[in-house]
């Protein structure tokens, strides 16, 4: 068995291009185990790097798409404003453009956000409820 093992180790030496008489079995398999560990780590790092690159690419594409859509909305809005400035001279397609602006939501975008109005009625109503509920036997 020992001779068979030495013969197989020598064939490993010729396959991996090392001298089996100089390099011990322990050193060879230790180096092979270290290589395997480093190889697995490198594969994981490459996979993570590829995922990060894809994530950055997707983010860039999404940003470009958002910018294109924003420019298109601005152009449609500008066209709508230009049509309103032209007046009655060119009224063909005005209703179509208005309908398209309503359907796409372009007519409602870029407006200032409305602040909620200060409604004192709610506070008065809550005070009256608390007074009413404070003395339940007063009815």
N, C-alpha and C. Protein backbone atom coordinates (compact mmCIF):
# COMPACT_ATOMS: atom_id res chain seq x y z
N UNK A 1 0.84 -1.19 0.00
CA UNK A 1 0.00 0.00 0.00
C UNK A 1 0.88 1.25 0.00
N UNK A 2 2.02 1.14 0.76
CA UNK A 2 2.90 2.29 0.82
C UNK A 2 3.51 2.57 -0.55
N UNK A 3 3.92 1.54 -1.26
CA UNK A 3 4.50 1.71 -2.60
C UNK A 3 3.45 2.26 -3.56
N UNK A 4 2.23 1.76 -3.43
CA UNK A 4 1.14 2.25 -4.29
C UNK A 4 0.88 3.74 -4.02
N UNK A 5 0.91 4.13 -2.74
CA UNK A 5 0.70 5.53 -2.38
C UNK A 5 1.84 6.40 -2.92
N UNK A 6 3.08 5.94 -2.82
CA UNK A 6 4.21 6.70 -3.35
C UNK A 6 4.10 6.85 -4.86
N UNK A 7 3.66 5.80 -5.52
CA UNK A 7 3.50 5.83 -6.98
C UNK A 7 2.42 6.86 -7.36
N UNK A 8 1.32 6.85 -6.64
CA UNK A 8 0.24 7.82 -6.90
C UNK A 8 0.70 9.25 -6.59
N UNK A 9 1.51 9.43 -5.53
CA UNK A 9 2.02 10.75 -5.19
C UNK A 9 2.97 11.26 -6.27
N UNK A 10 3.78 10.36 -6.83
CA UNK A 10 4.68 10.75 -7.92
C UNK A 10 3.88 11.15 -9.16
N UNK A 11 2.79 10.44 -9.42
CA UNK A 11 1.95 10.83 -10.56
C UNK A 11 1.29 12.19 -10.30
N UNK A 12 0.94 12.48 -9.03
CA UNK A 12 0.44 13.81 -8.67
C UNK A 12 1.51 14.86 -8.92
N UNK A 13 2.75 14.53 -8.58
CA UNK A 13 3.87 15.44 -8.80
C UNK A 13 4.03 15.77 -10.26
N UNK A 14 3.91 14.79 -11.13
CA UNK A 14 4.04 15.07 -12.56
C UNK A 14 2.83 15.86 -13.07
N UNK A 15 1.65 15.59 -12.51
CA UNK A 15 0.44 16.33 -12.94
C UNK A 15 0.50 17.80 -12.52
N UNK A 16 0.90 18.06 -11.25
CA UNK A 16 0.95 19.43 -10.73
C UNK A 16 2.33 20.08 -10.92
N UNK A 17 3.23 19.42 -11.56
CA UNK A 17 4.55 19.94 -11.92
C UNK A 17 5.38 20.31 -10.68
N UNK A 18 5.55 19.39 -9.78
CA UNK A 18 6.46 19.56 -8.65
C UNK A 18 7.26 18.27 -8.46
N UNK A 19 8.37 18.39 -7.77
CA UNK A 19 9.22 17.24 -7.54
C UNK A 19 8.74 16.53 -6.27
N UNK A 20 8.18 15.34 -6.37
CA UNK A 20 7.66 14.64 -5.20
C UNK A 20 8.74 14.23 -4.21
N UNK A 21 10.02 14.23 -4.63
CA UNK A 21 11.10 13.85 -3.72
C UNK A 21 11.52 15.04 -2.86
N UNK A 22 11.22 16.28 -3.32
CA UNK A 22 11.61 17.48 -2.57
C UNK A 22 10.45 17.95 -1.68
N UNK A 23 9.25 17.96 -2.22
CA UNK A 23 8.06 18.45 -1.50
C UNK A 23 7.40 17.28 -0.78
N UNK A 24 7.18 17.43 0.52
CA UNK A 24 6.56 16.34 1.28
C UNK A 24 5.06 16.33 1.03
N UNK A 25 4.46 15.21 1.37
CA UNK A 25 3.01 15.04 1.20
C UNK A 25 2.26 16.07 2.04
N UNK A 26 2.73 16.29 3.28
CA UNK A 26 2.06 17.24 4.16
C UNK A 26 2.11 18.66 3.60
N UNK A 27 3.28 19.04 3.07
CA UNK A 27 3.41 20.38 2.48
C UNK A 27 2.51 20.53 1.26
N UNK A 28 2.48 19.49 0.40
CA UNK A 28 1.66 19.57 -0.81
C UNK A 28 0.18 19.74 -0.47
N UNK A 29 -0.32 18.88 0.42
CA UNK A 29 -1.75 18.96 0.75
C UNK A 29 -2.08 20.20 1.58
N UNK A 30 -1.11 20.68 2.36
CA UNK A 30 -1.31 21.94 3.08
C UNK A 30 -1.43 23.11 2.10
N UNK A 31 -0.53 23.12 1.09
CA UNK A 31 -0.61 24.17 0.06
C UNK A 31 -1.91 24.06 -0.74
N UNK A 32 -2.31 22.83 -1.03
CA UNK A 32 -3.55 22.61 -1.77
C UNK A 32 -4.76 23.09 -0.98
N UNK A 33 -4.77 22.84 0.34
CA UNK A 33 -5.87 23.31 1.20
C UNK A 33 -5.88 24.84 1.27
N UNK A 34 -4.70 25.45 1.40
CA UNK A 34 -4.63 26.92 1.43
C UNK A 34 -5.13 27.51 0.11
N UNK A 35 -4.73 26.90 -1.00
CA UNK A 35 -5.20 27.37 -2.31
C UNK A 35 -6.72 27.30 -2.41
N UNK A 36 -7.28 26.19 -1.93
CA UNK A 36 -8.73 26.02 -1.99
C UNK A 36 -9.44 27.12 -1.19
N UNK A 37 -8.95 27.40 0.02
CA UNK A 37 -9.55 28.44 0.87
C UNK A 37 -9.47 29.80 0.19
N UNK A 38 -8.29 30.14 -0.33
CA UNK A 38 -8.11 31.43 -1.00
C UNK A 38 -8.96 31.52 -2.28
N UNK A 39 -9.08 30.40 -2.98
CA UNK A 39 -9.89 30.39 -4.20
C UNK A 39 -11.36 30.64 -3.89
N UNK A 40 -11.88 29.99 -2.86
CA UNK A 40 -13.29 30.17 -2.47
C UNK A 40 -13.53 31.62 -2.05
N UNK A 41 -12.60 32.21 -1.29
CA UNK A 41 -12.73 33.61 -0.88
C UNK A 41 -12.72 34.54 -2.09
N UNK A 42 -11.84 34.27 -3.05
CA UNK A 42 -11.77 35.10 -4.26
C UNK A 42 -13.06 35.02 -5.06
N UNK A 43 -13.64 33.83 -5.13
CA UNK A 43 -14.91 33.68 -5.86
C UNK A 43 -16.00 34.50 -5.18
N UNK A 44 -16.05 34.46 -3.85
CA UNK A 44 -17.05 35.23 -3.11
C UNK A 44 -16.85 36.72 -3.32
N UNK A 45 -15.58 37.18 -3.26
CA UNK A 45 -15.31 38.60 -3.48
C UNK A 45 -15.70 39.04 -4.89
N UNK A 46 -15.40 38.21 -5.87
CA UNK A 46 -15.78 38.54 -7.25
C UNK A 46 -17.29 38.62 -7.41
N UNK A 47 -17.99 37.71 -6.74
CA UNK A 47 -19.45 37.71 -6.81
C UNK A 47 -20.02 38.99 -6.19
N UNK A 48 -19.47 39.38 -5.02
CA UNK A 48 -19.93 40.61 -4.37
C UNK A 48 -19.62 41.83 -5.23
N UNK A 49 -18.44 41.84 -5.82
CA UNK A 49 -18.05 42.97 -6.68
C UNK A 49 -18.99 43.08 -7.88
N UNK A 50 -19.31 41.94 -8.49
CA UNK A 50 -20.23 41.92 -9.63
C UNK A 50 -21.61 42.43 -9.23
N UNK A 51 -22.09 42.00 -8.05
CA UNK A 51 -23.39 42.46 -7.56
C UNK A 51 -23.40 43.97 -7.34
N UNK A 52 -22.33 44.49 -6.76
CA UNK A 52 -22.24 45.94 -6.53
C UNK A 52 -22.23 46.70 -7.85
N UNK A 53 -21.48 46.20 -8.83
CA UNK A 53 -21.45 46.85 -10.13
C UNK A 53 -22.83 46.85 -10.78
N UNK A 54 -23.54 45.73 -10.67
CA UNK A 54 -24.89 45.65 -11.23
C UNK A 54 -25.84 46.60 -10.51
N UNK A 55 -25.69 46.68 -9.20
CA UNK A 55 -26.54 47.58 -8.41
C UNK A 55 -26.29 49.03 -8.82
N UNK A 56 -25.02 49.40 -8.97
CA UNK A 56 -24.69 50.76 -9.40
C UNK A 56 -25.23 51.03 -10.80
N UNK A 57 -25.13 50.04 -11.67
CA UNK A 57 -25.62 50.19 -13.04
C UNK A 57 -27.14 50.38 -13.04
N UNK A 58 -27.85 49.58 -12.23
CA UNK A 58 -29.31 49.72 -12.16
C UNK A 58 -29.70 51.09 -11.62
N UNK A 59 -28.97 51.55 -10.61
CA UNK A 59 -29.27 52.87 -10.03
C UNK A 59 -29.03 53.97 -11.06
N UNK A 60 -27.95 53.86 -11.82
CA UNK A 60 -27.65 54.85 -12.85
C UNK A 60 -28.74 54.85 -13.93
N UNK A 61 -29.15 53.66 -14.36
CA UNK A 61 -30.19 53.57 -15.38
C UNK A 61 -31.51 54.14 -14.88
N UNK A 62 -31.84 53.86 -13.61
CA UNK A 62 -33.08 54.40 -13.03
C UNK A 62 -33.01 55.92 -12.95
N UNK A 63 -31.85 56.44 -12.61
CA UNK A 63 -31.70 57.89 -12.52
C UNK A 63 -31.84 58.53 -13.90
N UNK A 64 -31.20 57.91 -14.91
CA UNK A 64 -31.32 58.43 -16.27
C UNK A 64 -32.77 58.39 -16.75
N UNK A 65 -33.46 57.30 -16.43
CA UNK A 65 -34.86 57.17 -16.84
C UNK A 65 -35.71 58.25 -16.17
N UNK A 66 -35.47 58.48 -14.89
CA UNK A 66 -36.22 59.51 -14.16
C UNK A 66 -35.95 60.89 -14.76
N UNK A 67 -34.70 61.15 -15.12
CA UNK A 67 -34.38 62.44 -15.73
C UNK A 67 -35.06 62.60 -17.08
N UNK A 68 -35.06 61.52 -17.88
CA UNK A 68 -35.74 61.59 -19.19
C UNK A 68 -37.23 61.86 -19.00
N UNK A 69 -37.85 61.14 -18.05
CA UNK A 69 -39.28 61.34 -17.81
C UNK A 69 -39.55 62.76 -17.33
N UNK A 70 -38.68 63.29 -16.50
CA UNK A 70 -38.84 64.66 -16.02
C UNK A 70 -38.76 65.65 -17.17
N UNK A 71 -37.79 65.43 -18.07
CA UNK A 71 -37.65 66.32 -19.23
C UNK A 71 -38.88 66.22 -20.13
N UNK A 72 -39.38 65.00 -20.32
CA UNK A 72 -40.58 64.83 -21.15
C UNK A 72 -41.77 65.55 -20.53
N UNK A 73 -41.93 65.45 -19.22
CA UNK A 73 -43.03 66.14 -18.55
C UNK A 73 -42.89 67.64 -18.71
N UNK A 74 -41.65 68.14 -18.56
CA UNK A 74 -41.44 69.57 -18.72
C UNK A 74 -41.75 70.02 -20.14
N UNK A 75 -41.37 69.21 -21.13
CA UNK A 75 -41.66 69.55 -22.52
C UNK A 75 -43.17 69.56 -22.77
N UNK A 76 -43.87 68.56 -22.23
CA UNK A 76 -45.32 68.53 -22.40
C UNK A 76 -45.98 69.73 -21.74
N UNK A 77 -45.49 70.07 -20.57
CA UNK A 77 -46.04 71.22 -19.86
C UNK A 77 -45.77 72.50 -20.64
N UNK A 78 -44.56 72.60 -21.19
CA UNK A 78 -44.21 73.78 -21.99
C UNK A 78 -45.09 73.86 -23.23
N UNK A 79 -45.32 72.71 -23.88
CA UNK A 79 -46.20 72.69 -25.05
C UNK A 79 -47.60 73.12 -24.66
N UNK A 80 -48.06 72.68 -23.52
CA UNK A 80 -49.38 73.04 -23.04
C UNK A 80 -49.46 74.54 -22.79
N UNK A 81 -48.42 75.09 -22.18
CA UNK A 81 -48.39 76.53 -21.92
C UNK A 81 -48.32 77.30 -23.23
N UNK A 82 -47.51 76.81 -24.17
CA UNK A 82 -47.40 77.47 -25.47
C UNK A 82 -48.74 77.46 -26.20
N UNK A 83 -49.49 76.37 -26.08
CA UNK A 83 -50.80 76.31 -26.73
C UNK A 83 -51.74 77.33 -26.12
N UNK A 84 -51.65 77.49 -24.81
CA UNK A 84 -52.52 78.46 -24.15
C UNK A 84 -52.15 79.88 -24.58
N UNK A 85 -50.88 80.15 -24.84
CA UNK A 85 -50.45 81.47 -25.27
C UNK A 85 -50.89 81.77 -26.69
N UNK A 86 -50.94 80.75 -27.54
CA UNK A 86 -51.31 80.95 -28.94
C UNK A 86 -52.75 81.41 -29.08
N UNK A 87 -53.56 81.03 -28.16
CA UNK A 87 -54.96 81.49 -28.18
C UNK A 87 -55.80 80.74 -29.18
N UNK A 88 -56.72 81.46 -29.84
CA UNK A 88 -57.70 80.85 -30.72
C UNK A 88 -57.21 80.57 -32.11
N UNK A 89 -56.00 80.95 -32.45
CA UNK A 89 -55.52 80.74 -33.81
C UNK A 89 -55.43 79.26 -34.15
N UNK A 90 -54.88 78.47 -33.26
CA UNK A 90 -54.66 77.05 -33.55
C UNK A 90 -55.35 76.22 -32.48
N UNK A 91 -56.63 76.01 -32.63
CA UNK A 91 -57.39 75.29 -31.63
C UNK A 91 -57.52 73.80 -31.94
N UNK A 92 -56.95 73.33 -33.05
CA UNK A 92 -57.03 71.91 -33.35
C UNK A 92 -56.09 71.16 -32.44
N UNK A 93 -56.61 70.17 -31.78
CA UNK A 93 -55.80 69.35 -30.90
C UNK A 93 -55.67 69.89 -29.49
N UNK A 94 -56.29 71.01 -29.19
CA UNK A 94 -56.17 71.59 -27.86
C UNK A 94 -56.83 70.66 -26.84
N UNK A 95 -58.01 70.19 -27.18
CA UNK A 95 -58.71 69.29 -26.26
C UNK A 95 -57.93 67.99 -26.07
N UNK A 96 -57.34 67.48 -27.18
CA UNK A 96 -56.54 66.26 -27.07
C UNK A 96 -55.36 66.48 -26.14
N UNK A 97 -54.69 67.62 -26.29
CA UNK A 97 -53.53 67.91 -25.44
C UNK A 97 -53.95 68.07 -23.98
N UNK A 98 -55.07 68.73 -23.77
CA UNK A 98 -55.56 68.90 -22.41
C UNK A 98 -55.93 67.56 -21.78
N UNK A 99 -56.58 66.70 -22.56
CA UNK A 99 -56.94 65.38 -22.05
C UNK A 99 -55.69 64.56 -21.73
N UNK A 100 -54.69 64.66 -22.61
CA UNK A 100 -53.45 63.93 -22.37
C UNK A 100 -52.76 64.44 -21.11
N UNK A 101 -52.76 65.75 -20.91
CA UNK A 101 -52.14 66.33 -19.71
C UNK A 101 -52.88 65.88 -18.46
N UNK A 102 -54.20 65.79 -18.54
CA UNK A 102 -54.98 65.34 -17.39
C UNK A 102 -54.74 63.86 -17.10
N UNK A 103 -54.69 63.05 -18.17
CA UNK A 103 -54.49 61.62 -17.98
C UNK A 103 -53.09 61.30 -17.47
N UNK A 104 -52.09 62.01 -17.97
CA UNK A 104 -50.72 61.73 -17.53
C UNK A 104 -50.41 62.36 -16.19
N UNK A 105 -51.23 63.33 -15.78
CA UNK A 105 -51.00 63.99 -14.50
C UNK A 105 -50.09 65.19 -14.63
N UNK A 106 -49.68 65.53 -15.85
CA UNK A 106 -48.77 66.65 -16.05
C UNK A 106 -49.42 67.97 -15.66
N UNK A 107 -50.71 68.04 -15.74
CA UNK A 107 -51.41 69.27 -15.41
C UNK A 107 -51.39 69.52 -13.90
N UNK A 108 -51.15 68.47 -13.11
CA UNK A 108 -51.20 68.60 -11.66
C UNK A 108 -49.83 68.62 -11.01
N UNK A 109 -48.78 68.36 -11.77
CA UNK A 109 -47.43 68.28 -11.21
C UNK A 109 -46.82 69.67 -11.10
N UNK A 110 -45.75 69.73 -10.32
CA UNK A 110 -44.96 70.93 -10.13
C UNK A 110 -45.76 72.08 -9.52
N UNK A 111 -46.76 71.76 -8.78
CA UNK A 111 -47.51 72.78 -8.06
C UNK A 111 -46.97 72.82 -6.65
N UNK A 112 -47.10 73.96 -6.02
CA UNK A 112 -46.67 74.04 -4.63
C UNK A 112 -47.59 73.19 -3.77
N UNK A 113 -46.98 72.56 -2.80
CA UNK A 113 -47.79 71.75 -1.90
C UNK A 113 -48.63 72.67 -1.04
N UNK A 114 -49.86 72.31 -0.94
CA UNK A 114 -50.77 73.12 -0.12
C UNK A 114 -50.54 72.82 1.35
N UNK A 115 -50.53 73.85 2.14
CA UNK A 115 -50.40 73.65 3.57
C UNK A 115 -51.80 73.39 4.13
N UNK A 116 -51.88 72.50 5.07
CA UNK A 116 -53.21 72.25 5.63
C UNK A 116 -53.71 73.50 6.34
N UNK A 117 -54.95 73.80 6.07
CA UNK A 117 -55.49 75.03 6.66
C UNK A 117 -55.69 74.85 8.16
N UNK A 118 -55.55 75.94 8.85
CA UNK A 118 -55.65 75.91 10.30
C UNK A 118 -57.13 75.89 10.65
N UNK A 119 -57.59 74.75 11.03
CA UNK A 119 -59.02 74.57 11.26
C UNK A 119 -59.30 74.62 12.76
N UNK A 120 -59.80 75.75 13.22
CA UNK A 120 -60.10 75.91 14.65
C UNK A 120 -61.37 75.18 15.04
N UNK A 121 -62.16 74.82 14.03
CA UNK A 121 -63.43 74.14 14.34
C UNK A 121 -63.18 72.81 15.05
N UNK A 122 -62.12 72.11 14.67
CA UNK A 122 -61.84 70.82 15.29
C UNK A 122 -61.51 71.00 16.76
N UNK A 123 -60.70 72.01 17.08
CA UNK A 123 -60.33 72.25 18.48
C UNK A 123 -61.56 72.61 19.30
N UNK A 124 -62.44 73.44 18.74
CA UNK A 124 -63.66 73.83 19.44
C UNK A 124 -64.54 72.60 19.66
N UNK A 125 -64.65 71.75 18.65
CA UNK A 125 -65.46 70.55 18.76
C UNK A 125 -64.89 69.62 19.82
N UNK A 126 -63.58 69.45 19.86
CA UNK A 126 -62.98 68.58 20.88
C UNK A 126 -63.18 69.13 22.28
N UNK A 127 -63.11 70.46 22.44
CA UNK A 127 -63.34 71.06 23.75
C UNK A 127 -64.78 70.85 24.20
N UNK A 128 -65.71 71.00 23.27
CA UNK A 128 -67.11 70.82 23.64
C UNK A 128 -67.39 69.37 24.00
N UNK A 129 -66.75 68.44 23.31
CA UNK A 129 -66.93 67.02 23.65
C UNK A 129 -66.37 66.73 25.02
N UNK A 130 -65.20 67.29 25.31
CA UNK A 130 -64.61 66.99 26.61
C UNK A 130 -65.45 67.58 27.73
N UNK A 131 -66.05 68.74 27.52
CA UNK A 131 -66.93 69.32 28.55
C UNK A 131 -68.18 68.46 28.71
N UNK A 132 -68.70 67.99 27.59
CA UNK A 132 -69.93 67.20 27.60
C UNK A 132 -69.70 65.84 28.29
N UNK A 133 -68.54 65.23 28.02
CA UNK A 133 -68.22 63.93 28.59
C UNK A 133 -67.69 64.01 29.99
N UNK A 134 -67.33 65.20 30.47
CA UNK A 134 -66.75 65.34 31.80
C UNK A 134 -67.77 65.05 32.88
N UNK A 135 -69.02 65.47 32.69
CA UNK A 135 -70.06 65.24 33.68
C UNK A 135 -71.18 64.45 33.04
N UNK A 136 -71.14 63.14 33.06
CA UNK A 136 -72.16 62.37 32.38
C UNK A 136 -73.53 62.44 33.04
N UNK A 137 -73.65 62.85 34.29
CA UNK A 137 -74.94 62.91 34.97
C UNK A 137 -75.64 64.24 34.77
N UNK A 138 -75.02 65.17 34.07
CA UNK A 138 -75.57 66.52 33.91
C UNK A 138 -76.68 66.56 32.86
N UNK A 139 -77.01 65.52 32.25
CA UNK A 139 -78.05 65.52 31.20
C UNK A 139 -79.34 65.75 31.80
